[in-house]
């Protein structure tokens, strides 16, 4: 299959116009079956099919720009190496958190079911995004087929949405634990948390599949270059030539459902917690209750603040700066979440110490067993 960038047609624009003039009726329609690329030319008159795929594009600095800007673009490769290091830390940290929760039976509580799911989502989201971004920009493979682009978008948005909804589950857990401590084990059970997390997954997958399905109804007849670091929904539907109204509606609905609505709920829970703590008799009890929320509050700040700041300043950012800020917004929370939970959560710190002590004791026991076995063998040998 011949893959061409849309810019390749500009060199043959006169021949291209002549061909279109000679053909009575011609139209471009997108198909997404098998390994077909993004668009195919269908003519009423038999003609060879020409296909080309989406090109993910990082805006390059033109030759007319300053040498300083050119050097800045050259240094972008160092940024992608830094992104790779963040990815390694994210994989190791989230894997460690999941192993600790699995190995320690004391951590199999509703709260840590949500923490485990958050670590799993962070690991899946980082693995879906970072390797492909490095392949596109660092190794200069900007072409991606239409089906792969939709798959890339699905996993990125699904994991991004689940990160926010996991924070909602943890916020609800903290609210019940502080405001209704006597009813906590009745209202927040493992079955309830599994059901809540499962319903979140079902909701997110359904919404993202609907959004992807709307993209399959679009036709592309102009540029197929996406000015983003991944298959961004907003960047894709804006390239379409037919009715963009459904895509426009989804582009406003998605941020509301997966970003602003969870944020409003979390803010409401902490306002409710703060109001409830004002009725607590002593300051010591207030501080003690509030300390149980510090890890979650840090996670909320790390996730939402960069997103809000980045989206608020998108119009004033250079494309390269926009790509850097958005990619870091995706990668930093999965990297820092396990570090925060290991350092800020007392239960996980105790579990790490316990597992470490068990490992040390096992090594000591094996060493003692080996020495005793050696002594017995020597004694038996001497007796013979």
Protein backbone atom coordinates (compact mmCIF):
# COMPACT_ATOMS: atom_id res chain seq x y z
CA UNK A 1 0.00 0.00 0.00
CA UNK A 2 1.38 3.37 -0.99
CA UNK A 3 1.42 5.82 1.92
CA UNK A 4 1.69 9.49 1.06
CA UNK A 5 1.55 12.66 3.11
CA UNK A 6 -1.00 15.17 1.93
CA UNK A 7 1.85 17.59 1.23
CA UNK A 8 3.10 15.26 -1.46
CA UNK A 9 0.11 16.23 -3.56
CA UNK A 10 1.18 19.87 -3.60
CA UNK A 11 4.04 19.06 -5.97
CA UNK A 12 1.55 17.68 -8.45
CA UNK A 13 -1.23 20.19 -7.89
CA UNK A 14 -1.64 21.07 -11.55
CA UNK A 15 -2.01 17.43 -12.62
CA UNK A 16 -4.26 16.80 -9.66
CA UNK A 17 -6.62 19.64 -10.63
CA UNK A 18 -6.65 18.42 -14.22
CA UNK A 19 -7.62 14.89 -13.18
CA UNK A 20 -10.44 16.17 -11.00
CA UNK A 21 -11.70 18.37 -13.82
CA UNK A 22 -11.83 15.44 -16.25
CA UNK A 23 -13.82 13.26 -13.87
CA UNK A 24 -17.51 14.15 -13.70
CA UNK A 25 -18.21 13.12 -10.12
CA UNK A 26 -15.56 12.45 -7.49
CA UNK A 27 -15.69 12.38 -3.76
CA UNK A 28 -13.58 11.36 -0.84
CA UNK A 29 -14.88 9.09 1.83
CA UNK A 30 -13.22 7.62 4.87
CA UNK A 31 -13.31 3.87 5.48
CA UNK A 32 -11.91 2.07 8.49
CA UNK A 33 -11.86 -1.65 7.72
CA UNK A 34 -8.98 -4.05 7.81
CA UNK A 35 -5.58 -2.47 7.38
CA UNK A 36 -6.85 0.29 5.09
CA UNK A 37 -5.34 3.71 5.62
CA UNK A 38 -7.23 6.84 6.56
CA UNK A 39 -8.77 7.84 3.24
CA UNK A 40 -9.31 6.30 -0.13
CA UNK A 41 -10.32 8.02 -3.35
CA UNK A 42 -13.49 6.45 -4.76
CA UNK A 43 -14.33 7.43 -8.32
CA UNK A 44 -17.43 6.53 -10.30
CA UNK A 45 -15.04 5.77 -13.12
CA UNK A 46 -12.62 2.90 -12.32
CA UNK A 47 -9.37 4.33 -11.01
CA UNK A 48 -6.43 3.12 -8.95
CA UNK A 49 -6.89 3.59 -5.23
CA UNK A 50 -4.49 6.02 -3.55
CA UNK A 51 -4.26 5.88 0.23
CA UNK A 52 -2.48 7.83 2.91
CA UNK A 53 -2.52 7.65 6.68
CA UNK A 54 -2.67 10.20 9.44
CA UNK A 55 0.61 11.91 10.16
CA UNK A 56 1.29 12.92 13.74
CA UNK A 57 3.29 16.10 13.48
CA UNK A 58 5.56 17.99 15.84
CA UNK A 59 5.88 21.49 14.40
CA UNK A 60 9.44 22.07 13.25
CA UNK A 61 11.18 25.44 13.27
CA UNK A 62 11.53 26.85 9.80
CA UNK A 63 14.82 28.06 8.36
CA UNK A 64 13.71 31.67 8.67
CA UNK A 65 13.59 31.45 12.43
CA UNK A 66 16.46 32.20 14.74
CA UNK A 67 19.34 29.89 15.43
CA UNK A 68 18.34 29.90 19.07
CA UNK A 69 14.92 28.40 18.19
CA UNK A 70 16.59 25.80 15.99
CA UNK A 71 18.85 24.78 18.85
CA UNK A 72 15.79 24.55 21.07
CA UNK A 73 14.17 22.11 18.68
CA UNK A 74 17.37 20.06 18.55
CA UNK A 75 17.22 19.80 22.32
CA UNK A 76 13.75 18.27 22.08
CA UNK A 77 15.43 14.86 21.83
CA UNK A 78 16.69 15.34 25.39
CA UNK A 79 13.13 15.96 26.48
CA UNK A 80 12.02 12.63 25.02
CA UNK A 81 14.85 10.88 26.87
CA UNK A 82 13.59 12.56 30.04
CA UNK A 83 10.07 11.36 29.17
CA UNK A 84 11.41 7.82 28.85
CA UNK A 85 13.03 8.04 32.31
CA UNK A 86 9.73 9.22 33.78
CA UNK A 87 8.04 6.26 32.13
CA UNK A 88 10.53 3.82 33.69
CA UNK A 89 9.95 5.34 37.14
CA UNK A 90 6.18 5.13 36.57
CA UNK A 91 6.32 1.46 35.58
CA UNK A 92 8.54 0.47 38.51
CA UNK A 93 6.62 2.55 41.07
CA UNK A 94 3.12 1.44 40.07
CA UNK A 95 4.20 -2.18 39.76
CA UNK A 96 5.69 -1.97 43.27
CA UNK A 97 2.46 -0.52 44.71
CA UNK A 98 0.37 -3.27 43.09
CA UNK A 99 2.73 -5.98 44.38
CA UNK A 100 2.63 -4.57 47.92
CA UNK A 101 -1.18 -4.52 47.92
CA UNK A 102 -1.33 -8.07 46.54
CA UNK A 103 1.22 -9.50 49.00
CA UNK A 104 -0.07 -7.82 52.17
CA UNK A 105 -3.47 -9.20 53.20
CA UNK A 106 -3.97 -6.26 55.57
CA UNK A 107 -4.15 -3.91 52.57
CA UNK A 108 -7.04 -5.73 50.90
CA UNK A 109 -9.50 -3.08 52.01
CA UNK A 110 -11.93 -0.96 49.94
CA UNK A 111 -9.56 2.00 49.98
CA UNK A 112 -6.66 -0.01 48.58
CA UNK A 113 -8.86 -1.61 45.95
CA UNK A 114 -9.19 1.91 44.54
CA UNK A 115 -5.46 2.54 45.04
CA UNK A 116 -4.63 -0.70 43.20
CA UNK A 117 -6.92 0.29 40.34
CA UNK A 118 -5.29 3.74 40.22
CA UNK A 119 -1.83 2.15 39.98
CA UNK A 120 -3.07 -0.23 37.27
CA UNK A 121 -4.62 2.65 35.32
CA UNK A 122 -1.44 4.71 35.63
CA UNK A 123 0.65 1.78 34.40
CA UNK A 124 -1.69 1.09 31.47
CA UNK A 125 -1.96 4.76 30.51
CA UNK A 126 1.80 5.35 30.59
CA UNK A 127 2.43 2.20 28.55
CA UNK A 128 -0.20 3.23 26.00
CA UNK A 129 1.16 6.75 25.56
CA UNK A 130 4.91 7.08 26.13
CA UNK A 131 6.31 4.27 23.90
CA UNK A 132 4.23 5.48 20.95
CA UNK A 133 5.19 9.13 21.51
CA UNK A 134 8.87 8.16 21.61
CA UNK A 135 8.45 6.12 18.43
CA UNK A 136 6.72 9.00 16.64
CA UNK A 137 9.01 11.87 17.59
CA UNK A 138 12.31 10.47 18.85
CA UNK A 139 12.64 7.80 16.15
CA UNK A 140 10.84 9.89 13.48
CA UNK A 141 7.97 7.54 12.59
CA UNK A 142 5.18 10.10 12.14
CA UNK A 143 2.76 7.95 10.12
CA UNK A 144 0.02 5.95 11.80
CA UNK A 145 -2.88 4.11 10.19
CA UNK A 146 -6.45 5.18 10.87
CA UNK A 147 -7.35 2.11 12.94
CA UNK A 148 -4.17 2.40 15.01
CA UNK A 149 -4.91 6.09 15.58
CA UNK A 150 -8.37 5.33 16.95
CA UNK A 151 -6.94 2.58 19.17
CA UNK A 152 -4.23 4.94 20.42
CA UNK A 153 -6.86 7.57 21.22
CA UNK A 154 -9.13 5.03 22.95
CA UNK A 155 -6.51 3.82 25.42
CA UNK A 156 -5.17 7.32 26.16
CA UNK A 157 -8.57 8.84 26.89
CA UNK A 158 -9.82 5.77 28.77
CA UNK A 159 -6.86 5.78 31.15
CA UNK A 160 -6.97 9.57 31.55
CA UNK A 161 -10.67 9.38 32.44
CA UNK A 162 -10.19 6.49 34.86
CA UNK A 163 -7.47 8.39 36.71
CA UNK A 164 -9.98 11.15 37.48
CA UNK A 165 -12.75 8.71 38.44
CA UNK A 166 -10.37 6.78 40.70
CA UNK A 167 -9.76 10.02 42.56
CA UNK A 168 -13.54 10.35 42.88
CA UNK A 169 -13.74 6.88 44.45
CA UNK A 170 -10.94 7.73 46.89
CA UNK A 171 -12.61 11.06 47.76
CA UNK A 172 -15.87 9.26 48.56
CA UNK A 173 -13.95 6.75 50.68
CA UNK A 174 -12.28 9.53 52.70
CA UNK A 175 -15.56 11.43 53.13
CA UNK A 176 -17.38 8.41 54.59
CA UNK A 177 -14.38 7.47 56.76
CA UNK A 178 -14.20 10.94 58.36
CA UNK A 179 -17.85 11.99 58.52
CA UNK A 180 -19.45 8.58 59.22
CA UNK A 181 -16.66 6.58 60.89
CA UNK A 182 -19.05 4.22 62.68
CA UNK A 183 -20.85 3.34 59.45
CA UNK A 184 -17.72 3.15 57.27
CA UNK A 185 -17.41 -0.64 57.24
CA UNK A 186 -21.10 -0.96 56.41
CA UNK A 187 -21.29 1.68 53.67
CA UNK A 188 -17.89 1.14 52.06
CA UNK A 189 -17.32 -2.57 51.60
CA UNK A 190 -15.05 -4.40 49.20
CA UNK A 191 -18.08 -5.44 47.17
CA UNK A 192 -19.24 -1.83 46.96
CA UNK A 193 -15.80 -0.61 45.87
CA UNK A 194 -15.49 -3.34 43.23
CA UNK A 195 -18.95 -2.39 41.92
CA UNK A 196 -18.07 1.31 41.90
CA UNK A 197 -14.77 0.80 40.07
CA UNK A 198 -16.42 -1.62 37.62
CA UNK A 199 -19.21 0.87 36.85
CA UNK A 200 -16.59 3.57 36.25
CA UNK A 201 -14.76 1.34 33.76
CA UNK A 202 -18.01 0.50 31.98
CA UNK A 203 -19.04 4.16 31.81
CA UNK A 204 -15.67 5.37 30.51
CA UNK A 205 -15.32 2.63 27.90
CA UNK A 206 -18.86 3.29 26.64
CA UNK A 207 -18.31 7.06 26.35
CA UNK A 208 -14.94 6.74 24.59
CA UNK A 209 -16.31 4.12 22.19
CA UNK A 210 -19.18 6.47 21.30
CA UNK A 211 -16.67 9.26 20.67
CA UNK A 212 -14.55 6.98 18.49
CA UNK A 213 -17.67 5.81 16.64
CA UNK A 214 -18.53 9.42 15.77
CA UNK A 215 -15.07 9.85 14.25
CA UNK A 216 -15.71 6.90 11.93
CA UNK A 217 -18.59 8.87 10.36
CA UNK A 218 -16.32 11.72 9.28
CA UNK A 219 -14.76 12.30 5.87
CA UNK A 220 -11.33 13.86 5.38
CA UNK A 221 -10.50 15.72 2.18
CA UNK A 222 -7.89 18.27 3.25
CA UNK A 223 -4.93 17.92 5.58
CA UNK A 224 -4.36 14.69 7.46
CA UNK A 225 -1.68 16.15 9.71
CA UNK A 226 -2.54 16.15 13.42
CA UNK A 227 -0.77 18.94 15.29
CA UNK A 228 -0.48 17.00 18.51
CA UNK A 229 1.67 14.41 20.23
CA UNK A 230 -1.06 11.73 20.10
CA UNK A 231 -4.33 11.07 18.30
CA UNK A 232 -6.23 13.87 19.98
CA UNK A 233 -9.99 13.78 19.47
CA UNK A 234 -10.32 17.54 19.00
CA UNK A 235 -7.49 17.70 16.47
CA UNK A 236 -8.96 14.82 14.43
CA UNK A 237 -12.58 15.94 14.11
CA UNK A 238 -11.49 19.46 13.07
CA UNK A 239 -9.84 17.94 9.98
CA UNK A 240 -13.17 16.61 8.69
CA UNK A 241 -14.94 18.10 5.66
CA UNK A 242 -18.49 17.01 6.43
CA UNK A 243 -20.77 17.88 9.35
CA UNK A 244 -18.67 18.33 12.52
CA UNK A 245 -21.57 19.00 14.89
CA UNK A 246 -21.54 15.58 16.64
CA UNK A 247 -17.78 15.81 17.08
CA UNK A 248 -18.11 19.35 18.43
CA UNK A 249 -20.72 18.22 20.97
CA UNK A 250 -18.53 15.33 22.12
CA UNK A 251 -15.49 17.61 22.38
CA UNK A 252 -17.39 19.73 24.93
CA UNK A 253 -19.09 16.79 26.64
CA UNK A 254 -15.94 14.69 27.21
CA UNK A 255 -14.02 17.26 29.31
CA UNK A 256 -17.17 17.91 31.34
CA UNK A 257 -17.72 14.22 32.10
CA UNK A 258 -14.11 13.13 32.67
CA UNK A 259 -12.55 16.30 34.09
CA UNK A 260 -14.84 19.01 35.42
CA UNK A 261 -17.59 16.82 36.92
CA UNK A 262 -15.11 14.68 38.92
CA UNK A 263 -13.31 17.84 40.05
CA UNK A 264 -16.58 19.42 41.25
CA UNK A 265 -17.45 16.25 43.19
CA UNK A 266 -14.00 16.10 44.83
CA UNK A 267 -14.13 19.79 45.80
CA UNK A 268 -17.62 19.25 47.24
CA UNK A 269 -16.44 16.28 49.33
CA UNK A 270 -13.57 18.27 50.82
CA UNK A 271 -15.82 21.23 51.56
CA UNK A 272 -18.14 18.81 53.32
CA UNK A 273 -15.20 17.27 55.20
CA UNK A 274 -13.95 20.71 56.20
CA UNK A 275 -17.41 21.70 57.43
CA UNK A 276 -17.68 18.48 59.45
CA UNK A 277 -14.23 18.97 60.99
CA UNK A 278 -15.21 22.43 62.26
CA UNK A 279 -17.61 20.66 64.63
CA UNK A 280 -14.85 18.45 66.05
CA UNK A 281 -14.01 19.44 69.62
CA UNK A 282 -10.20 19.54 69.60
CA UNK A 283 -7.66 20.78 67.09
CA UNK A 284 -5.61 17.61 67.54
CA UNK A 285 -8.52 15.46 66.35
CA UNK A 286 -9.07 17.75 63.36
CA UNK A 287 -5.42 17.51 62.32
CA UNK A 288 -5.42 13.74 62.84
CA UNK A 289 -8.52 13.34 60.66
CA UNK A 290 -7.19 15.69 58.00
CA UNK A 291 -3.86 13.83 57.80
CA UNK A 292 -5.69 10.81 56.41
CA UNK A 293 -6.54 12.94 53.36
CA UNK A 294 -3.09 14.39 52.61
CA UNK A 295 -2.04 11.68 50.16
CA UNK A 296 -5.31 11.95 48.24
CA UNK A 297 -5.18 15.75 48.19
CA UNK A 298 -1.67 15.62 46.72
CA UNK A 299 -2.89 13.21 44.02
CA UNK A 300 -5.78 15.54 43.18
CA UNK A 301 -3.46 18.55 42.98
CA UNK A 302 -0.93 16.72 40.80
CA UNK A 303 -3.63 15.52 38.42
CA UNK A 304 -5.93 18.54 38.08
CA UNK A 305 -3.69 21.61 38.49
CA UNK A 306 -1.41 20.90 35.48
CA UNK A 307 -4.45 20.09 33.33
CA UNK A 308 -6.24 23.29 34.30
CA UNK A 309 -3.15 25.48 33.84
CA UNK A 310 -2.27 23.86 30.52
CA UNK A 311 -5.75 24.16 29.02
CA UNK A 312 -6.08 27.74 30.27
CA UNK A 313 -2.89 28.80 28.45
CA UNK A 314 -3.11 26.66 25.29
CA UNK A 315 -3.81 29.63 23.04
CA UNK A 316 -0.61 31.41 24.10
CA UNK A 317 1.74 28.45 23.82
CA UNK A 318 4.10 27.58 20.97
CA UNK A 319 3.17 24.18 19.45
CA UNK A 320 6.32 22.60 20.88
CA UNK A 321 5.59 24.05 24.33
CA UNK A 322 2.01 22.82 24.06
CA UNK A 323 3.18 19.30 23.22
CA UNK A 324 5.64 19.31 26.12
CA UNK A 325 3.12 20.63 28.65
CA UNK A 326 0.33 18.25 27.61
CA UNK A 327 2.58 15.19 27.51
CA UNK A 328 3.98 16.01 30.95
CA UNK A 329 0.41 16.44 32.18
CA UNK A 330 -0.24 12.86 31.08
CA UNK A 331 3.02 11.39 32.42
CA UNK A 332 3.75 13.21 35.69
CA UNK A 333 0.74 11.96 37.74
CA UNK A 334 1.43 8.24 37.03
CA UNK A 335 5.07 8.85 37.97
CA UNK A 336 4.40 10.69 41.23
CA UNK A 337 1.33 8.78 42.45
CA UNK A 338 3.21 5.68 43.70
CA UNK A 339 5.91 7.83 45.31
CA UNK A 340 3.27 9.82 47.20
CA UNK A 341 1.46 6.73 48.41
CA UNK A 342 4.65 5.03 49.56
CA UNK A 343 5.87 8.14 51.40
CA UNK A 344 2.58 9.58 52.69
CA UNK A 345 0.52 6.49 53.52
CA UNK A 346 1.39 4.89 56.84
CA UNK A 347 -0.16 1.52 55.97
CA UNK A 348 1.97 1.12 52.85
CA UNK A 349 5.12 2.21 54.70
CA UNK A 350 4.44 -0.40 57.36
CA UNK A 351 3.77 -2.99 54.68
CA UNK A 352 7.06 -2.19 52.91
CA UNK A 353 8.97 -2.50 56.20
CA UNK A 354 7.16 -5.73 57.00
CA UNK A 355 7.93 -7.25 53.61
CA UNK A 356 11.54 -6.10 53.88
CA UNK A 357 11.87 -7.64 57.36
CA UNK A 358 10.36 -10.89 56.12
CA UNK A 359 12.85 -10.94 53.27
CA UNK A 360 15.77 -10.27 55.65
CA UNK A 361 14.53 -12.89 58.09
CA UNK A 362 14.17 -15.39 55.25
CA UNK A 363 17.76 -14.77 54.18
CA UNK A 364 18.95 -15.19 57.79
CA UNK A 365 16.92 -18.39 58.18
CA UNK A 366 18.33 -19.80 54.93
CA UNK A 367 21.86 -18.91 56.05
CA UNK A 368 21.35 -20.55 59.47
CA UNK A 369 19.83 -23.63 57.84
CA UNK A 370 22.78 -23.90 55.46
CA UNK A 371 25.30 -23.59 58.32
CA UNK A 372 23.48 -26.18 60.46
CA UNK A 373 23.32 -28.55 57.52
CA UNK A 374 27.06 -28.10 56.92
CA UNK A 375 27.84 -28.78 60.61
CA UNK A 376 25.68 -31.93 60.62
CA UNK A 377 27.35 -33.20 57.47
CA UNK A 378 30.80 -32.60 59.00
CA UNK A 379 29.75 -34.34 62.23
CA UNK A 380 28.41 -37.33 60.32
CA UNK A 381 31.59 -37.48 58.24
CA UNK A 382 33.82 -37.40 61.35
CA UNK A 383 31.78 -40.12 63.06
CA UNK A 384 32.22 -42.37 60.05
